[in-house]
Amino acid sequence: MSKSIFYHAGCPVCISAEQDLVHLIGNENVEIVHLGEDQSQIETAEKAGVQSVPALLTPNGNVLHINFGAAIADVKA
Protein backbone atom coordinates (compact mmCIF):
# COMPACT_ATOMS: atom_id res chain seq x y z
CA MET A 1 0.00 0.00 0.00
CA SER A 2 1.56 3.29 -1.05
CA LYS A 3 -1.27 5.66 -0.07
CA SER A 4 -2.98 6.21 3.22
CA ILE A 5 -6.67 5.30 3.28
CA PHE A 6 -9.10 7.58 5.09
CA TYR A 7 -12.30 5.82 6.15
CA HIS A 8 -15.35 7.85 7.11
CA ALA A 9 -19.15 7.74 7.19
CA GLY A 10 -20.06 11.23 6.01
CA CYS A 11 -20.87 12.84 9.35
CA PRO A 12 -19.74 16.43 10.00
CA VAL A 13 -16.81 15.22 12.16
CA CYS A 14 -15.69 12.93 9.32
CA ILE A 15 -16.00 15.58 6.62
CA SER A 16 -14.02 18.08 8.68
CA ALA A 17 -11.27 15.51 9.33
CA GLU A 18 -11.20 14.59 5.62
CA GLN A 19 -10.71 18.21 4.60
CA ASP A 20 -7.92 18.69 7.15
CA LEU A 21 -6.13 15.50 6.11
CA VAL A 22 -6.29 16.28 2.41
CA HIS A 23 -4.93 19.75 3.17
CA LEU A 24 -2.11 18.32 5.32
CA ILE A 25 -0.95 15.33 3.27
CA GLY A 26 -2.32 16.07 -0.18
CA ASN A 27 -5.11 14.49 -2.19
CA GLU A 28 -2.61 12.40 -4.15
CA ASN A 29 -1.41 10.71 -0.95
CA VAL A 30 -4.75 9.57 0.46
CA GLU A 31 -7.61 7.44 -0.80
CA ILE A 32 -10.99 8.48 0.61
CA VAL A 33 -13.46 5.68 1.42
CA HIS A 34 -16.97 6.72 2.46
CA LEU A 35 -18.26 3.63 4.27
CA GLY A 36 -21.81 4.97 4.33
CA GLU A 37 -21.86 4.99 0.54
CA ASP A 38 -19.65 1.93 -0.06
CA GLN A 39 -20.52 -0.59 2.64
CA SER A 40 -18.65 -3.30 0.72
CA GLN A 41 -15.46 -1.74 2.16
CA ILE A 42 -16.49 -2.16 5.82
CA GLU A 43 -15.07 -5.68 6.10
CA THR A 44 -11.76 -4.52 4.59
CA ALA A 45 -11.62 -1.64 7.07
CA GLU A 46 -12.37 -3.94 10.00
CA LYS A 47 -9.67 -6.41 8.93
CA ALA A 48 -7.20 -3.52 8.85
CA GLY A 49 -8.13 -2.65 12.46
CA VAL A 50 -10.56 0.23 11.97
CA GLN A 51 -12.92 0.32 14.96
CA SER A 52 -14.49 3.73 14.47
CA VAL A 53 -14.60 6.49 11.91
CA PRO A 54 -13.03 8.76 10.97
CA ALA A 55 -9.84 6.72 10.77
CA LEU A 56 -6.67 6.84 8.73
CA LEU A 57 -4.90 3.65 7.68
CA THR A 58 -1.26 4.50 7.05
CA PRO A 59 0.84 2.86 4.34
CA ASN A 60 2.66 0.78 6.97
CA GLY A 61 -0.60 -0.57 8.40
CA ASN A 62 -1.15 1.63 11.45
CA VAL A 63 -4.72 2.77 12.10
CA LEU A 64 -5.10 6.27 13.46
CA HIS A 65 -8.56 6.81 14.94
CA ILE A 66 -9.37 10.50 14.64
CA ASN A 67 -11.91 12.32 16.81
CA PHE A 68 -14.67 9.74 17.31
CA GLY A 69 -17.58 10.12 14.90
CA ALA A 70 -19.18 6.65 14.80
CA ALA A 71 -18.38 3.05 15.66
CA ILE A 72 -18.05 0.61 12.75
CA ALA A 73 -21.08 -1.25 14.14
CA ASP A 74 -23.13 1.93 13.72
CA VAL A 75 -22.01 2.27 10.10
CA LYS A 76 -23.12 -1.31 9.38
CA ALA A 77 -26.64 -0.62 10.62
PDB file of N, CA and C in Angstrom:
ATOM      1  N   MET A   1       0.853  -1.175   0.000  1.00  0.00           N
ATOM      2  CA  MET A   1       0.000   0.000   0.000  1.00  0.00           C
ATOM      3  C   MET A   1       0.898   1.238   0.000  1.00  0.00           C
ATOM      4  N   SER A   2       0.729   2.098  -0.965  1.00  0.00           N
ATOM      5  CA  SER A   2       1.556   3.294  -1.050  1.00  0.00           C
ATOM      6  C   SER A   2       0.846   4.554  -0.566  1.00  0.00           C
ATOM      7  N   LYS A   3      -0.475   4.526  -0.548  1.00  0.00           N
ATOM      8  CA  LYS A   3      -1.269   5.660  -0.072  1.00  0.00           C
ATOM      9  C   LYS A   3      -1.878   5.336   1.283  1.00  0.00           C
ATOM     10  N   SER A   4      -2.158   6.374   2.029  1.00  0.00           N
ATOM     11  CA  SER A   4      -2.984   6.208   3.218  1.00  0.00           C
ATOM     12  C   SER A   4      -4.427   6.055   2.752  1.00  0.00           C
ATOM     13  N   ILE A   5      -5.249   5.422   3.577  1.00  0.00           N
ATOM     14  CA  ILE A   5      -6.673   5.296   3.284  1.00  0.00           C
ATOM     15  C   ILE A   5      -7.435   5.938   4.440  1.00  0.00           C
ATOM     16  N   PHE A   6      -8.288   6.899   4.100  1.00  0.00           N
ATOM     17  CA  PHE A   6      -9.102   7.579   5.086  1.00  0.00           C
ATOM     18  C   PHE A   6     -10.514   7.021   5.000  1.00  0.00           C
ATOM     19  N   TYR A   7     -10.953   6.386   6.080  1.00  0.00           N
ATOM     20  CA  TYR A   7     -12.301   5.824   6.150  1.00  0.00           C
ATOM     21  C   TYR A   7     -13.198   6.781   6.928  1.00  0.00           C
ATOM     22  N   HIS A   8     -14.393   7.012   6.391  1.00  0.00           N
ATOM     23  CA  HIS A   8     -15.352   7.847   7.110  1.00  0.00           C
ATOM     24  C   HIS A   8     -16.776   7.461   6.725  1.00  0.00           C
ATOM     25  N   ALA A   9     -17.743   8.071   7.419  1.00  0.00           N
ATOM     26  CA  ALA A   9     -19.149   7.736   7.193  1.00  0.00           C
ATOM     27  C   ALA A   9     -19.984   8.939   6.776  1.00  0.00           C
ATOM     28  N   GLY A  10     -19.347  10.067   6.515  1.00  0.00           N
ATOM     29  CA  GLY A  10     -20.065  11.229   6.009  1.00  0.00           C
ATOM     30  C   GLY A  10     -20.599  12.192   7.047  1.00  0.00           C
ATOM     31  N   CYS A  11     -20.377  11.926   8.314  1.00  0.00           N
ATOM     32  CA  CYS A  11     -20.869  12.837   9.349  1.00  0.00           C
ATOM     33  C   CYS A  11     -20.030  14.115   9.348  1.00  0.00           C
ATOM     34  N   PRO A  12     -20.497  15.177   9.990  1.00  0.00           N
ATOM     35  CA  PRO A  12     -19.736  16.431  10.004  1.00  0.00           C
ATOM     36  C   PRO A  12     -18.315  16.283  10.567  1.00  0.00           C
ATOM     37  N   VAL A  13     -18.148  15.455  11.606  1.00  0.00           N
ATOM     38  CA  VAL A  13     -16.813  15.216  12.165  1.00  0.00           C
ATOM     39  C   VAL A  13     -15.917  14.598  11.101  1.00  0.00           C
ATOM     40  N   CYS A  14     -16.453  13.620  10.368  1.00  0.00           N
ATOM     41  CA  CYS A  14     -15.689  12.930   9.325  1.00  0.00           C
ATOM     42  C   CYS A  14     -15.315  13.865   8.182  1.00  0.00           C
ATOM     43  N   ILE A  15     -16.246  14.664   7.732  1.00  0.00           N
ATOM     44  CA  ILE A  15     -16.001  15.581   6.620  1.00  0.00           C
ATOM     45  C   ILE A  15     -14.935  16.604   7.002  1.00  0.00           C
ATOM     46  N   SER A  16     -15.008  17.121   8.203  1.00  0.00           N
ATOM     47  CA  SER A  16     -14.017  18.082   8.677  1.00  0.00           C
ATOM     48  C   SER A  16     -12.628  17.436   8.722  1.00  0.00           C
ATOM     49  N   ALA A  17     -12.559  16.218   9.263  1.00  0.00           N
ATOM     50  CA  ALA A  17     -11.274  15.510   9.330  1.00  0.00           C
ATOM     51  C   ALA A  17     -10.739  15.220   7.932  1.00  0.00           C
ATOM     52  N   GLU A  18     -11.626  14.843   7.012  1.00  0.00           N
ATOM     53  CA  GLU A  18     -11.205  14.588   5.625  1.00  0.00           C
ATOM     54  C   GLU A  18     -10.575  15.835   5.014  1.00  0.00           C
ATOM     55  N   GLN A  19     -11.225  16.967   5.167  1.00  0.00           N
ATOM     56  CA  GLN A  19     -10.708  18.213   4.598  1.00  0.00           C
ATOM     57  C   GLN A  19      -9.345  18.560   5.187  1.00  0.00           C
ATOM     58  N   ASP A  20      -9.199  18.393   6.499  1.00  0.00           N
ATOM     59  CA  ASP A  20      -7.921  18.688   7.152  1.00  0.00           C
ATOM     60  C   ASP A  20      -6.825  17.749   6.669  1.00  0.00           C
ATOM     61  N   LEU A  21      -7.134  16.455   6.557  1.00  0.00           N
ATOM     62  CA  LEU A  21      -6.129  15.500   6.105  1.00  0.00           C
ATOM     63  C   LEU A  21      -5.692  15.752   4.674  1.00  0.00           C
ATOM     64  N   VAL A  22      -6.640  16.005   3.803  1.00  0.00           N
ATOM     65  CA  VAL A  22      -6.292  16.283   2.408  1.00  0.00           C
ATOM     66  C   VAL A  22      -5.416  17.527   2.342  1.00  0.00           C
ATOM     67  N   HIS A  23      -5.737  18.535   3.139  1.00  0.00           N
ATOM     68  CA  HIS A  23      -4.932  19.751   3.174  1.00  0.00           C
ATOM     69  C   HIS A  23      -3.519  19.453   3.688  1.00  0.00           C
ATOM     70  N   LEU A  24      -3.408  18.610   4.708  1.00  0.00           N
ATOM     71  CA  LEU A  24      -2.106  18.318   5.323  1.00  0.00           C
ATOM     72  C   LEU A  24      -1.225  17.404   4.483  1.00  0.00           C
ATOM     73  N   ILE A  25      -1.798  16.320   3.951  1.00  0.00           N
ATOM     74  CA  ILE A  25      -0.952  15.328   3.274  1.00  0.00           C
ATOM     75  C   ILE A  25      -1.131  15.287   1.764  1.00  0.00           C
ATOM     76  N   GLY A  26      -2.115  15.996   1.258  1.00  0.00           N
ATOM     77  CA  GLY A  26      -2.320  16.066  -0.184  1.00  0.00           C
ATOM     78  C   GLY A  26      -3.247  14.990  -0.710  1.00  0.00           C
ATOM     79  N   ASN A  27      -4.114  15.390  -1.610  1.00  0.00           N
ATOM     80  CA  ASN A  27      -5.108  14.489  -2.188  1.00  0.00           C
ATOM     81  C   ASN A  27      -4.468  13.287  -2.875  1.00  0.00           C
ATOM     82  N   GLU A  28      -3.285  13.483  -3.451  1.00  0.00           N
ATOM     83  CA  GLU A  28      -2.611  12.399  -4.154  1.00  0.00           C
ATOM     84  C   GLU A  28      -2.021  11.340  -3.215  1.00  0.00           C
ATOM     85  N   ASN A  29      -2.000  11.641  -1.920  1.00  0.00           N
ATOM     86  CA  ASN A  29      -1.415  10.714  -0.946  1.00  0.00           C
ATOM     87  C   ASN A  29      -2.433   9.970  -0.100  1.00  0.00           C
ATOM     88  N   VAL A  30      -3.714  10.210  -0.354  1.00  0.00           N
ATOM     89  CA  VAL A  30      -4.749   9.573   0.463  1.00  0.00           C
ATOM     90  C   VAL A  30      -5.931   9.148  -0.413  1.00  0.00           C
ATOM     91  N   GLU A  31      -6.388   7.937  -0.164  1.00  0.00           N
ATOM     92  CA  GLU A  31      -7.612   7.435  -0.801  1.00  0.00           C
ATOM     93  C   GLU A  31      -8.746   7.642   0.191  1.00  0.00           C
ATOM     94  N   ILE A  32      -9.837   8.217  -0.254  1.00  0.00           N
ATOM     95  CA  ILE A  32     -10.992   8.483   0.611  1.00  0.00           C
ATOM     96  C   ILE A  32     -12.020   7.379   0.391  1.00  0.00           C
ATOM     97  N   VAL A  33     -12.437   6.725   1.494  1.00  0.00           N
ATOM     98  CA  VAL A  33     -13.457   5.682   1.420  1.00  0.00           C
ATOM     99  C   VAL A  33     -14.616   6.076   2.337  1.00  0.00           C
ATOM    100  N   HIS A  34     -15.755   6.354   1.736  1.00  0.00           N
ATOM    101  CA  HIS A  34     -16.970   6.724   2.462  1.00  0.00           C
ATOM    102  C   HIS A  34     -17.738   5.428   2.721  1.00  0.00           C
ATOM    103  N   LEU A  35     -17.648   4.919   3.942  1.00  0.00           N
ATOM    104  CA  LEU A  35     -18.264   3.628   4.273  1.00  0.00           C
ATOM    105  C   LEU A  35     -19.785   3.677   4.256  1.00  0.00           C
ATOM    106  N   GLY A  36     -20.361   4.844   4.420  1.00  0.00           N
ATOM    107  CA  GLY A  36     -21.806   4.968   4.335  1.00  0.00           C
ATOM    108  C   GLY A  36     -22.305   4.764   2.913  1.00  0.00           C
ATOM    109  N   GLU A  37     -21.489   5.140   1.947  1.00  0.00           N
ATOM    110  CA  GLU A  37     -21.863   4.988   0.540  1.00  0.00           C
ATOM    111  C   GLU A  37     -21.345   3.688  -0.065  1.00  0.00           C
ATOM    112  N   ASP A  38     -20.249   3.158   0.465  1.00  0.00           N
ATOM    113  CA  ASP A  38     -19.654   1.929  -0.062  1.00  0.00           C
ATOM    114  C   ASP A  38     -19.462   0.931   1.075  1.00  0.00           C
ATOM    115  N   GLN A  39     -20.572   0.326   1.511  1.00  0.00           N
ATOM    116  CA  GLN A  39     -20.517  -0.589   2.642  1.00  0.00           C
ATOM    117  C   GLN A  39     -19.746  -1.866   2.338  1.00  0.00           C
ATOM    118  N   SER A  40     -19.445  -2.123   1.063  1.00  0.00           N
ATOM    119  CA  SER A  40     -18.645  -3.296   0.718  1.00  0.00           C
ATOM    120  C   SER A  40     -17.215  -3.174   1.256  1.00  0.00           C
ATOM    121  N   GLN A  41     -16.814  -1.972   1.639  1.00  0.00           N
ATOM    122  CA  GLN A  41     -15.462  -1.740   2.158  1.00  0.00           C
ATOM    123  C   GLN A  41     -15.373  -1.877   3.681  1.00  0.00           C
ATOM    124  N   ILE A  42     -16.501  -2.075   4.348  1.00  0.00           N
ATOM    125  CA  ILE A  42     -16.491  -2.161   5.816  1.00  0.00           C
ATOM    126  C   ILE A  42     -15.657  -3.343   6.290  1.00  0.00           C
ATOM    127  N   GLU A  43     -15.831  -4.502   5.680  1.00  0.00           N
ATOM    128  CA  GLU A  43     -15.069  -5.680   6.098  1.00  0.00           C
ATOM    129  C   GLU A  43     -13.566  -5.452   5.919  1.00  0.00           C
ATOM    130  N   THR A  44     -13.177  -4.832   4.835  1.00  0.00           N
ATOM    131  CA  THR A  44     -11.764  -4.521   4.592  1.00  0.00           C
ATOM    132  C   THR A  44     -11.231  -3.591   5.674  1.00  0.00           C
ATOM    133  N   ALA A  45     -12.019  -2.578   6.023  1.00  0.00           N
ATOM    134  CA  ALA A  45     -11.624  -1.638   7.068  1.00  0.00           C
ATOM    135  C   ALA A  45     -11.477  -2.349   8.408  1.00  0.00           C
ATOM    136  N   GLU A  46     -12.430  -3.199   8.736  1.00  0.00           N
ATOM    137  CA  GLU A  46     -12.367  -3.937  10.003  1.00  0.00           C
ATOM    138  C   GLU A  46     -11.135  -4.834  10.058  1.00  0.00           C
ATOM    139  N   LYS A  47     -10.842  -5.527   8.965  1.00  0.00           N
ATOM    140  CA  LYS A  47      -9.668  -6.405   8.927  1.00  0.00           C
ATOM    141  C   LYS A  47      -8.373  -5.624   9.117  1.00  0.00           C
ATOM    142  N   ALA A  48      -8.375  -4.368   8.692  1.00  0.00           N
ATOM    143  CA  ALA A  48      -7.201  -3.515   8.853  1.00  0.00           C
ATOM    144  C   ALA A  48      -7.073  -2.979  10.275  1.00  0.00           C
ATOM    145  N   GLY A  49      -8.156  -3.113  11.076  1.00  0.00           N
ATOM    146  CA  GLY A  49      -8.125  -2.653  12.463  1.00  0.00           C
ATOM    147  C   GLY A  49      -8.947  -1.412  12.747  1.00  0.00           C
ATOM    148  N   VAL A  50      -9.709  -0.950  11.769  1.00  0.00           N
ATOM    149  CA  VAL A  50     -10.558   0.228  11.970  1.00  0.00           C
ATOM    150  C   VAL A  50     -11.719  -0.150  12.885  1.00  0.00           C
ATOM    151  N   GLN A  51     -11.851   0.581  13.993  1.00  0.00           N
ATOM    152  CA  GLN A  51     -12.916   0.317  14.957  1.00  0.00           C
ATOM    153  C   GLN A  51     -13.956   1.418  14.996  1.00  0.00           C
ATOM    154  N   SER A  52     -13.566   2.593  14.514  1.00  0.00           N
ATOM    155  CA  SER A  52     -14.486   3.732  14.470  1.00  0.00           C
ATOM    156  C   SER A  52     -14.031   4.648  13.342  1.00  0.00           C
ATOM    157  N   VAL A  53     -14.929   5.512  12.940  1.00  0.00           N
ATOM    158  CA  VAL A  53     -14.598   6.495  11.907  1.00  0.00           C
ATOM    159  C   VAL A  53     -14.791   7.896  12.470  1.00  0.00           C
ATOM    160  N   PRO A  54     -14.025   8.834  12.011  1.00  0.00           N
ATOM    161  CA  PRO A  54     -13.029   8.757  10.965  1.00  0.00           C
ATOM    162  C   PRO A  54     -11.753   8.063  11.434  1.00  0.00           C
ATOM    163  N   ALA A  55     -11.097   7.399  10.487  1.00  0.00           N
ATOM    164  CA  ALA A  55      -9.836   6.716  10.775  1.00  0.00           C
ATOM    165  C   ALA A  55      -8.947   6.759   9.540  1.00  0.00           C
ATOM    166  N   LEU A  56      -7.654   6.826   9.797  1.00  0.00           N
ATOM    167  CA  LEU A  56      -6.671   6.844   8.727  1.00  0.00           C
ATOM    168  C   LEU A  56      -5.809   5.602   8.840  1.00  0.00           C
ATOM    169  N   LEU A  57      -5.779   4.815   7.772  1.00  0.00           N
ATOM    170  CA  LEU A  57      -4.904   3.650   7.680  1.00  0.00           C
ATOM    171  C   LEU A  57      -3.645   4.102   6.962  1.00  0.00           C
ATOM    172  N   THR A  58      -2.513   4.034   7.642  1.00  0.00           N
ATOM    173  CA  THR A  58      -1.261   4.505   7.050  1.00  0.00           C
ATOM    174  C   THR A  58      -0.668   3.434   6.135  1.00  0.00           C
ATOM    175  N   PRO A  59       0.243   3.829   5.256  1.00  0.00           N
ATOM    176  CA  PRO A  59       0.843   2.861   4.338  1.00  0.00           C
ATOM    177  C   PRO A  59       1.546   1.695   5.030  1.00  0.00           C
ATOM    178  N   ASN A  60       2.010   1.895   6.267  1.00  0.00           N
ATOM    179  CA  ASN A  60       2.658   0.783   6.967  1.00  0.00           C
ATOM    180  C   ASN A  60       1.704  -0.010   7.850  1.00  0.00           C
ATOM    181  N   GLY A  61       0.404   0.247   7.726  1.00  0.00           N
ATOM    182  CA  GLY A  61      -0.602  -0.570   8.398  1.00  0.00           C
ATOM    183  C   GLY A  61      -1.098  -0.081   9.736  1.00  0.00           C
ATOM    184  N   ASN A  62      -0.641   1.071  10.191  1.00  0.00           N
ATOM    185  CA  ASN A  62      -1.153   1.626  11.445  1.00  0.00           C
ATOM    186  C   ASN A  62      -2.502   2.278  11.207  1.00  0.00           C
ATOM    187  N   VAL A  63      -3.407   2.116  12.172  1.00  0.00           N
ATOM    188  CA  VAL A  63      -4.718   2.768  12.095  1.00  0.00           C
ATOM    189  C   VAL A  63      -4.739   3.896  13.105  1.00  0.00           C
ATOM    190  N   LEU A  64      -5.002   5.088  12.602  1.00  0.00           N
ATOM    191  CA  LEU A  64      -5.102   6.266  13.455  1.00  0.00           C
ATOM    192  C   LEU A  64      -6.566   6.653  13.548  1.00  0.00           C
ATOM    193  N   HIS A  65      -7.157   6.440  14.726  1.00  0.00           N
ATOM    194  CA  HIS A  65      -8.555   6.811  14.939  1.00  0.00           C
ATOM    195  C   HIS A  65      -8.590   8.289  15.301  1.00  0.00           C
ATOM    196  N   ILE A  66      -9.366   9.046  14.542  1.00  0.00           N
ATOM    197  CA  ILE A  66      -9.368  10.504  14.640  1.00  0.00           C
ATOM    198  C   ILE A  66     -10.716  10.989  15.162  1.00  0.00           C
ATOM    199  N   ASN A  67     -10.712  11.642  16.307  1.00  0.00           N
ATOM    200  CA  ASN A  67     -11.909  12.319  16.807  1.00  0.00           C
ATOM    201  C   ASN A  67     -13.185  11.519  16.552  1.00  0.00           C
ATOM    202  N   PHE A  68     -13.558  10.684  17.459  1.00  0.00           N
ATOM    203  CA  PHE A  68     -14.668   9.738  17.308  1.00  0.00           C
ATOM    204  C   PHE A  68     -15.905  10.353  16.661  1.00  0.00           C
ATOM    205  N   GLY A  69     -16.347   9.710  15.581  1.00  0.00           N
ATOM    206  CA  GLY A  69     -17.578  10.117  14.895  1.00  0.00           C
ATOM    207  C   GLY A  69     -18.633   9.044  15.010  1.00  0.00           C
ATOM    208  N   ALA A  70     -18.238   7.769  14.735  1.00  0.00           N
ATOM    209  CA  ALA A  70     -19.178   6.650  14.801  1.00  0.00           C
ATOM    210  C   ALA A  70     -18.396   5.348  14.882  1.00  0.00           C
ATOM    211  N   ALA A  71     -18.961   4.390  15.599  1.00  0.00           N
ATOM    212  CA  ALA A  71     -18.381   3.053  15.661  1.00  0.00           C
ATOM    213  C   ALA A  71     -18.694   2.330  14.351  1.00  0.00           C
ATOM    214  N   ILE A  72     -17.823   1.405  13.968  1.00  0.00           N
ATOM    215  CA  ILE A  72     -18.049   0.612  12.748  1.00  0.00           C
ATOM    216  C   ILE A  72     -19.409  -0.091  12.825  1.00  0.00           C
ATOM    217  N   ALA A  73     -19.780  -0.578  13.986  1.00  0.00           N
ATOM    218  CA  ALA A  73     -21.075  -1.253  14.142  1.00  0.00           C
ATOM    219  C   ALA A  73     -22.237  -0.326  13.763  1.00  0.00           C
ATOM    220  N   ASP A  74     -22.094   0.968  14.067  1.00  0.00           N
ATOM    221  CA  ASP A  74     -23.130   1.929  13.721  1.00  0.00           C
ATOM    222  C   ASP A  74     -23.201   2.152  12.204  1.00  0.00           C
ATOM    223  N   VAL A  75     -22.057   2.080  11.554  1.00  0.00           N
ATOM    224  CA  VAL A  75     -22.012   2.275  10.104  1.00  0.00           C
ATOM    225  C   VAL A  75     -22.661   1.097   9.390  1.00  0.00           C
ATOM    226  N   LYS A  76     -22.523  -0.103   9.964  1.00  0.00           N
ATOM    227  CA  LYS A  76     -23.120  -1.312   9.382  1.00  0.00           C
ATOM    228  C   LYS A  76     -24.638  -1.267   9.405  1.00  0.00           C
ATOM    229  N   ALA A  77     -25.191  -0.624  10.420  1.00  0.00           N
ATOM    230  CA  ALA A  77     -26.644  -0.622  10.616  1.00  0.00           C
ATOM    231  C   ALA A  77     -27.381   0.145   9.572  1.00  0.00           C
TER     232      ALA A  77
END
